[in-house]
Amino acid sequence: MNAEIRTIPDMLVDTYGNQSELARRLHINRETISKYLNDKDAKHHAIVNGVFMTARGDSGKNRWGKR
């Protein structure tokens, strides 16, 4: 099985820049599209086989780096 990995800027080309249409296709809020609009290197998000996924970062740690 081959995984198709894309980003929001890549998929906006398919929708001719229409953020509302892309949000509808991914079943996410349009504001979320705007949030990841400049993440061209997929450091904080990815779309794998049509499913939107985000990086959670330092979840579970407090501001001092301890759990």
PDB file of N, CA and C in Angstrom:
ATOM      1  N   MET A   1       0.832  -1.182   0.000  1.00  0.00           N
ATOM      2  CA  MET A   1       0.000   0.000   0.000  1.00  0.00           C
ATOM      3  C   MET A   1       0.878   1.247   0.000  1.00  0.00           C
ATOM      4  N   ASN A   2       0.634   2.138  -0.916  1.00  0.00           N
ATOM      5  CA  ASN A   2       1.401   3.375  -1.008  1.00  0.00           C
ATOM      6  C   ASN A   2       0.666   4.501  -0.302  1.00  0.00           C
ATOM      7  N   ALA A   3       1.397   5.234   0.522  1.00  0.00           N
ATOM      8  CA  ALA A   3       0.808   6.367   1.230  1.00  0.00           C
ATOM      9  C   ALA A   3       1.037   7.639   0.420  1.00  0.00           C
ATOM     10  N   GLU A   4      -0.016   8.412   0.258  1.00  0.00           N
ATOM     11  CA  GLU A   4       0.084   9.698  -0.417  1.00  0.00           C
ATOM     12  C   GLU A   4       0.169  10.775   0.655  1.00  0.00           C
ATOM     13  N   ILE A   5       1.316  11.436   0.753  1.00  0.00           N
ATOM     14  CA  ILE A   5       1.537  12.455   1.772  1.00  0.00           C
ATOM     15  C   ILE A   5       1.591  13.816   1.089  1.00  0.00           C
ATOM     16  N   ARG A   6       0.722  14.704   1.553  1.00  0.00           N
ATOM     17  CA  ARG A   6       0.634  16.037   0.960  1.00  0.00           C
ATOM     18  C   ARG A   6       0.555  17.080   2.067  1.00  0.00           C
ATOM     19  N   THR A   7       0.620  18.343   1.681  1.00  0.00           N
ATOM     20  CA  THR A   7       0.476  19.448   2.618  1.00  0.00           C
ATOM     21  C   THR A   7      -0.685  20.335   2.176  1.00  0.00           C
ATOM     22  N   ILE A   8      -1.098  21.226   3.049  1.00  0.00           N
ATOM     23  CA  ILE A   8      -2.184  22.144   2.712  1.00  0.00           C
ATOM     24  C   ILE A   8      -1.817  23.041   1.527  1.00  0.00           C
ATOM     25  N   PRO A   9      -0.598  23.618   1.475  1.00  0.00           N
ATOM     26  CA  PRO A   9      -0.270  24.414   0.283  1.00  0.00           C
ATOM     27  C   PRO A   9      -0.331  23.595  -1.012  1.00  0.00           C
ATOM     28  N   ASP A  10       0.053  22.322  -0.958  1.00  0.00           N
ATOM     29  CA  ASP A  10      -0.039  21.464  -2.147  1.00  0.00           C
ATOM     30  C   ASP A  10      -1.486  21.262  -2.574  1.00  0.00           C
ATOM     31  N   MET A  11      -2.352  21.020  -1.610  1.00  0.00           N
ATOM     32  CA  MET A  11      -3.749  20.734  -1.930  1.00  0.00           C
ATOM     33  C   MET A  11      -4.520  21.984  -2.350  1.00  0.00           C
ATOM     34  N   LEU A  12      -4.048  23.159  -1.950  1.00  0.00           N
ATOM     35  CA  LEU A  12      -4.708  24.388  -2.382  1.00  0.00           C
ATOM     36  C   LEU A  12      -4.581  24.594  -3.889  1.00  0.00           C
ATOM     37  N   VAL A  13      -3.557  24.028  -4.485  1.00  0.00           N
ATOM     38  CA  VAL A  13      -3.416  24.100  -5.943  1.00  0.00           C
ATOM     39  C   VAL A  13      -4.575  23.355  -6.603  1.00  0.00           C
ATOM     40  N   ASP A  14      -4.960  22.219  -6.030  1.00  0.00           N
ATOM     41  CA  ASP A  14      -6.072  21.427  -6.581  1.00  0.00           C
ATOM     42  C   ASP A  14      -7.405  22.167  -6.499  1.00  0.00           C
ATOM     43  N   THR A  15      -7.573  22.998  -5.460  1.00  0.00           N
ATOM     44  CA  THR A  15      -8.840  23.720  -5.282  1.00  0.00           C
ATOM     45  C   THR A  15      -8.739  25.160  -5.781  1.00  0.00           C
ATOM     46  N   TYR A  16      -7.701  25.453  -6.563  1.00  0.00           N
ATOM     47  CA  TYR A  16      -7.493  26.795  -7.132  1.00  0.00           C
ATOM     48  C   TYR A  16      -7.465  27.873  -6.054  1.00  0.00           C
ATOM     49  N   GLY A  17      -6.881  27.551  -4.894  1.00  0.00           N
ATOM     50  CA  GLY A  17      -6.742  28.499  -3.800  1.00  0.00           C
ATOM     51  C   GLY A  17      -7.970  28.670  -2.934  1.00  0.00           C
ATOM     52  N   ASN A  18      -9.004  27.888  -3.158  1.00  0.00           N
ATOM     53  CA  ASN A  18     -10.248  28.012  -2.403  1.00  0.00           C
ATOM     54  C   ASN A  18     -10.116  27.275  -1.066  1.00  0.00           C
ATOM     55  N   GLN A  19      -9.912  28.041   0.005  1.00  0.00           N
ATOM     56  CA  GLN A  19      -9.717  27.458   1.329  1.00  0.00           C
ATOM     57  C   GLN A  19     -10.981  26.789   1.852  1.00  0.00           C
ATOM     58  N   SER A  20     -12.129  27.338   1.541  1.00  0.00           N
ATOM     59  CA  SER A  20     -13.391  26.751   2.006  1.00  0.00           C
ATOM     60  C   SER A  20     -13.615  25.373   1.396  1.00  0.00           C
ATOM     61  N   GLU A  21     -13.293  25.226   0.126  1.00  0.00           N
ATOM     62  CA  GLU A  21     -13.449  23.931  -0.540  1.00  0.00           C
ATOM     63  C   GLU A  21     -12.480  22.904   0.042  1.00  0.00           C
ATOM     64  N   LEU A  22     -11.250  23.314   0.315  1.00  0.00           N
ATOM     65  CA  LEU A  22     -10.275  22.398   0.902  1.00  0.00           C
ATOM     66  C   LEU A  22     -10.702  21.984   2.310  1.00  0.00           C
ATOM     67  N   ALA A  23     -11.228  22.920   3.087  1.00  0.00           N
ATOM     68  CA  ALA A  23     -11.718  22.598   4.432  1.00  0.00           C
ATOM     69  C   ALA A  23     -12.855  21.585   4.354  1.00  0.00           C
ATOM     70  N   ARG A  24     -13.723  21.734   3.369  1.00  0.00           N
ATOM     71  CA  ARG A  24     -14.825  20.786   3.200  1.00  0.00           C
ATOM     72  C   ARG A  24     -14.300  19.405   2.836  1.00  0.00           C
ATOM     73  N   ARG A  25     -13.314  19.343   1.954  1.00  0.00           N
ATOM     74  CA  ARG A  25     -12.752  18.047   1.542  1.00  0.00           C
ATOM     75  C   ARG A  25     -12.065  17.321   2.691  1.00  0.00           C
ATOM     76  N   LEU A  26     -11.403  18.085   3.566  1.00  0.00           N
ATOM     77  CA  LEU A  26     -10.655  17.476   4.676  1.00  0.00           C
ATOM     78  C   LEU A  26     -11.492  17.338   5.947  1.00  0.00           C
ATOM     79  N   HIS A  27     -12.705  17.887   5.943  1.00  0.00           N
ATOM     80  CA  HIS A  27     -13.592  17.855   7.109  1.00  0.00           C
ATOM     81  C   HIS A  27     -12.965  18.563   8.307  1.00  0.00           C
ATOM     82  N   ILE A  28     -12.350  19.722   8.046  1.00  0.00           N
ATOM     83  CA  ILE A  28     -11.778  20.530   9.120  1.00  0.00           C
ATOM     84  C   ILE A  28     -12.263  21.964   8.954  1.00  0.00           C
ATOM     85  N   ASN A  29     -12.017  22.788   9.968  1.00  0.00           N
ATOM     86  CA  ASN A  29     -12.434  24.182   9.957  1.00  0.00           C
ATOM     87  C   ASN A  29     -11.549  24.995   9.015  1.00  0.00           C
ATOM     88  N   ARG A  30     -12.125  26.020   8.414  1.00  0.00           N
ATOM     89  CA  ARG A  30     -11.375  26.874   7.497  1.00  0.00           C
ATOM     90  C   ARG A  30     -10.246  27.612   8.224  1.00  0.00           C
ATOM     91  N   GLU A  31     -10.428  27.938   9.486  1.00  0.00           N
ATOM     92  CA  GLU A  31      -9.378  28.592  10.273  1.00  0.00           C
ATOM     93  C   GLU A  31      -8.159  27.680  10.436  1.00  0.00           C
ATOM     94  N   THR A  32      -8.385  26.379  10.493  1.00  0.00           N
ATOM     95  CA  THR A  32      -7.276  25.429  10.577  1.00  0.00           C
ATOM     96  C   THR A  32      -6.467  25.460   9.288  1.00  0.00           C
ATOM     97  N   ILE A  33      -7.137  25.610   8.160  1.00  0.00           N
ATOM     98  CA  ILE A  33      -6.440  25.748   6.876  1.00  0.00           C
ATOM     99  C   ILE A  33      -5.528  26.968   6.929  1.00  0.00           C
ATOM    100  N   SER A  34      -6.052  28.081   7.419  1.00  0.00           N
ATOM    101  CA  SER A  34      -5.270  29.318   7.508  1.00  0.00           C
ATOM    102  C   SER A  34      -4.069  29.161   8.436  1.00  0.00           C
ATOM    103  N   LYS A  35      -4.239  28.396   9.501  1.00  0.00           N
ATOM    104  CA  LYS A  35      -3.169  28.202  10.482  1.00  0.00           C
ATOM    105  C   LYS A  35      -1.955  27.505   9.867  1.00  0.00           C
ATOM    106  N   TYR A  36      -2.196  26.525   9.003  1.00  0.00           N
ATOM    107  CA  TYR A  36      -1.107  25.742   8.423  1.00  0.00           C
ATOM    108  C   TYR A  36      -0.791  26.144   6.985  1.00  0.00           C
ATOM    109  N   LEU A  37      -1.231  27.300   6.564  1.00  0.00           N
ATOM    110  CA  LEU A  37      -1.068  27.750   5.190  1.00  0.00           C
ATOM    111  C   LEU A  37       0.394  27.928   4.788  1.00  0.00           C
ATOM    112  N   ASN A  38       1.241  28.348   5.702  1.00  0.00           N
ATOM    113  CA  ASN A  38       2.646  28.610   5.382  1.00  0.00           C
ATOM    114  C   ASN A  38       3.575  27.457   5.735  1.00  0.00           C
ATOM    115  N   ASP A  39       3.038  26.332   6.159  1.00  0.00           N
ATOM    116  CA  ASP A  39       3.852  25.169   6.535  1.00  0.00           C
ATOM    117  C   ASP A  39       4.115  24.306   5.297  1.00  0.00           C
ATOM    118  N   LYS A  40       4.957  24.818   4.399  1.00  0.00           N
ATOM    119  CA  LYS A  40       5.220  24.128   3.133  1.00  0.00           C
ATOM    120  C   LYS A  40       6.095  22.884   3.303  1.00  0.00           C
ATOM    121  N   ASP A  41       6.905  22.854   4.363  1.00  0.00           N
ATOM    122  CA  ASP A  41       7.815  21.729   4.590  1.00  0.00           C
ATOM    123  C   ASP A  41       7.183  20.613   5.409  1.00  0.00           C
ATOM    124  N   ALA A  42       5.929  20.748   5.771  1.00  0.00           N
ATOM    125  CA  ALA A  42       5.183  19.745   6.546  1.00  0.00           C
ATOM    126  C   ALA A  42       5.852  19.454   7.887  1.00  0.00           C
ATOM    127  N   LYS A  43       6.325  20.491   8.553  1.00  0.00           N
ATOM    128  CA  LYS A  43       6.934  20.312   9.873  1.00  0.00           C
ATOM    129  C   LYS A  43       5.887  20.209  10.976  1.00  0.00           C
ATOM    130  N   HIS A  44       4.704  20.775  10.735  1.00  0.00           N
ATOM    131  CA  HIS A  44       3.676  20.793  11.772  1.00  0.00           C
ATOM    132  C   HIS A  44       2.393  20.083  11.368  1.00  0.00           C
ATOM    133  N   HIS A  45       2.283  19.675  10.123  1.00  0.00           N
ATOM    134  CA  HIS A  45       1.079  18.978   9.673  1.00  0.00           C
ATOM    135  C   HIS A  45       1.397  18.133   8.444  1.00  0.00           C
ATOM    136  N   ALA A  46       0.519  17.202   8.157  1.00  0.00           N
ATOM    137  CA  ALA A  46       0.595  16.400   6.935  1.00  0.00           C
ATOM    138  C   ALA A  46      -0.798  15.871   6.631  1.00  0.00           C
ATOM    139  N   ILE A  47      -1.038  15.603   5.370  1.00  0.00           N
ATOM    140  CA  ILE A  47      -2.290  14.988   4.951  1.00  0.00           C
ATOM    141  C   ILE A  47      -1.915  13.648   4.345  1.00  0.00           C
ATOM    142  N   VAL A  48      -2.260  12.579   5.030  1.00  0.00           N
ATOM    143  CA  VAL A  48      -1.898  11.227   4.609  1.00  0.00           C
ATOM    144  C   VAL A  48      -3.157  10.525   4.124  1.00  0.00           C
ATOM    145  N   ASN A  49      -3.165  10.195   2.848  1.00  0.00           N
ATOM    146  CA  ASN A  49      -4.323   9.534   2.221  1.00  0.00           C
ATOM    147  C   ASN A  49      -5.635  10.259   2.525  1.00  0.00           C
ATOM    148  N   GLY A  50      -5.597  11.586   2.485  1.00  0.00           N
ATOM    149  CA  GLY A  50      -6.805  12.377   2.685  1.00  0.00           C
ATOM    150  C   GLY A  50      -7.173  12.635   4.131  1.00  0.00           C
ATOM    151  N   VAL A  51      -6.336  12.207   5.087  1.00  0.00           N
ATOM    152  CA  VAL A  51      -6.606  12.408   6.516  1.00  0.00           C
ATOM    153  C   VAL A  51      -5.636  13.459   7.051  1.00  0.00           C
ATOM    154  N   PHE A  52      -6.171  14.517   7.640  1.00  0.00           N
ATOM    155  CA  PHE A  52      -5.371  15.612   8.170  1.00  0.00           C
ATOM    156  C   PHE A  52      -4.762  15.212   9.507  1.00  0.00           C
ATOM    157  N   MET A  53      -3.442  15.379   9.636  1.00  0.00           N
ATOM    158  CA  MET A  53      -2.737  15.031  10.873  1.00  0.00           C
ATOM    159  C   MET A  53      -1.835  16.187  11.269  1.00  0.00           C
ATOM    160  N   THR A  54      -1.731  16.422  12.584  1.00  0.00           N
ATOM    161  CA  THR A  54      -0.888  17.497  13.085  1.00  0.00           C
ATOM    162  C   THR A  54       0.137  16.952  14.066  1.00  0.00           C
ATOM    163  N   ALA A  55       1.229  17.703  14.228  1.00  0.00           N
ATOM    164  CA  ALA A  55       2.243  17.369  15.221  1.00  0.00           C
ATOM    165  C   ALA A  55       1.832  18.011  16.534  1.00  0.00           C
ATOM    166  N   ARG A  56       1.898  17.266  17.608  1.00  0.00           N
ATOM    167  CA  ARG A  56       1.455  17.787  18.904  1.00  0.00           C
ATOM    168  C   ARG A  56       2.568  18.474  19.670  1.00  0.00           C
ATOM    169  N   GLY A  57       3.796  18.344  19.236  1.00  0.00           N
ATOM    170  CA  GLY A  57       4.889  19.055  19.890  1.00  0.00           C
ATOM    171  C   GLY A  57       5.256  18.471  21.231  1.00  0.00           C
ATOM    172  N   ASP A  58       5.326  19.320  22.238  1.00  0.00           N
ATOM    173  CA  ASP A  58       5.771  18.921  23.574  1.00  0.00           C
ATOM    174  C   ASP A  58       4.602  18.563  24.477  1.00  0.00           C
ATOM    175  N   SER A  59       3.657  17.805  23.991  1.00  0.00           N
ATOM    176  CA  SER A  59       2.504  17.474  24.825  1.00  0.00           C
ATOM    177  C   SER A  59       2.947  16.617  26.006  1.00  0.00           C
ATOM    178  N   GLY A  60       2.384  16.893  27.142  1.00  0.00           N
ATOM    179  CA  GLY A  60       2.707  16.131  28.334  1.00  0.00           C
ATOM    180  C   GLY A  60       3.822  16.731  29.163  1.00  0.00           C
ATOM    181  N   LYS A  61       4.471  17.770  28.672  1.00  0.00           N
ATOM    182  CA  LYS A  61       5.542  18.403  29.432  1.00  0.00           C
ATOM    183  C   LYS A  61       5.078  19.776  29.899  1.00  0.00           C
ATOM    184  N   ASN A  62       5.551  20.150  31.078  1.00  0.00           N
ATOM    185  CA  ASN A  62       5.252  21.501  31.527  1.00  0.00           C
ATOM    186  C   ASN A  62       6.338  22.446  31.023  1.00  0.00           C
ATOM    187  N   ARG A  63       6.302  23.677  31.422  1.00  0.00           N
ATOM    188  CA  ARG A  63       7.244  24.646  30.862  1.00  0.00           C
ATOM    189  C   ARG A  63       8.684  24.439  31.316  1.00  0.00           C
ATOM    190  N   TRP A  64       8.918  23.593  32.319  1.00  0.00           N
ATOM    191  CA  TRP A  64      10.273  23.306  32.767  1.00  0.00           C
ATOM    192  C   TRP A  64      10.818  22.029  32.161  1.00  0.00           C
ATOM    193  N   GLY A  65      10.071  21.409  31.274  1.00  0.00           N
ATOM    194  CA  GLY A  65      10.541  20.209  30.599  1.00  0.00           C
ATOM    195  C   GLY A  65      10.315  18.923  31.371  1.00  0.00           C
ATOM    196  N   LYS A  66       9.546  18.988  32.459  1.00  0.00           N
ATOM    197  CA  LYS A  66       9.285  17.796  33.264  1.00  0.00           C
ATOM    198  C   LYS A  66       7.831  17.408  33.139  1.00  0.00           C
ATOM    199  N   ARG A  67       7.548  16.156  33.360  1.00  0.00           N
ATOM    200  CA  ARG A  67       6.157  15.685  33.323  1.00  0.00           C
ATOM    201  C   ARG A  67       5.433  15.984  34.581  1.00  0.00           C
TER     202      ARG A  67
END
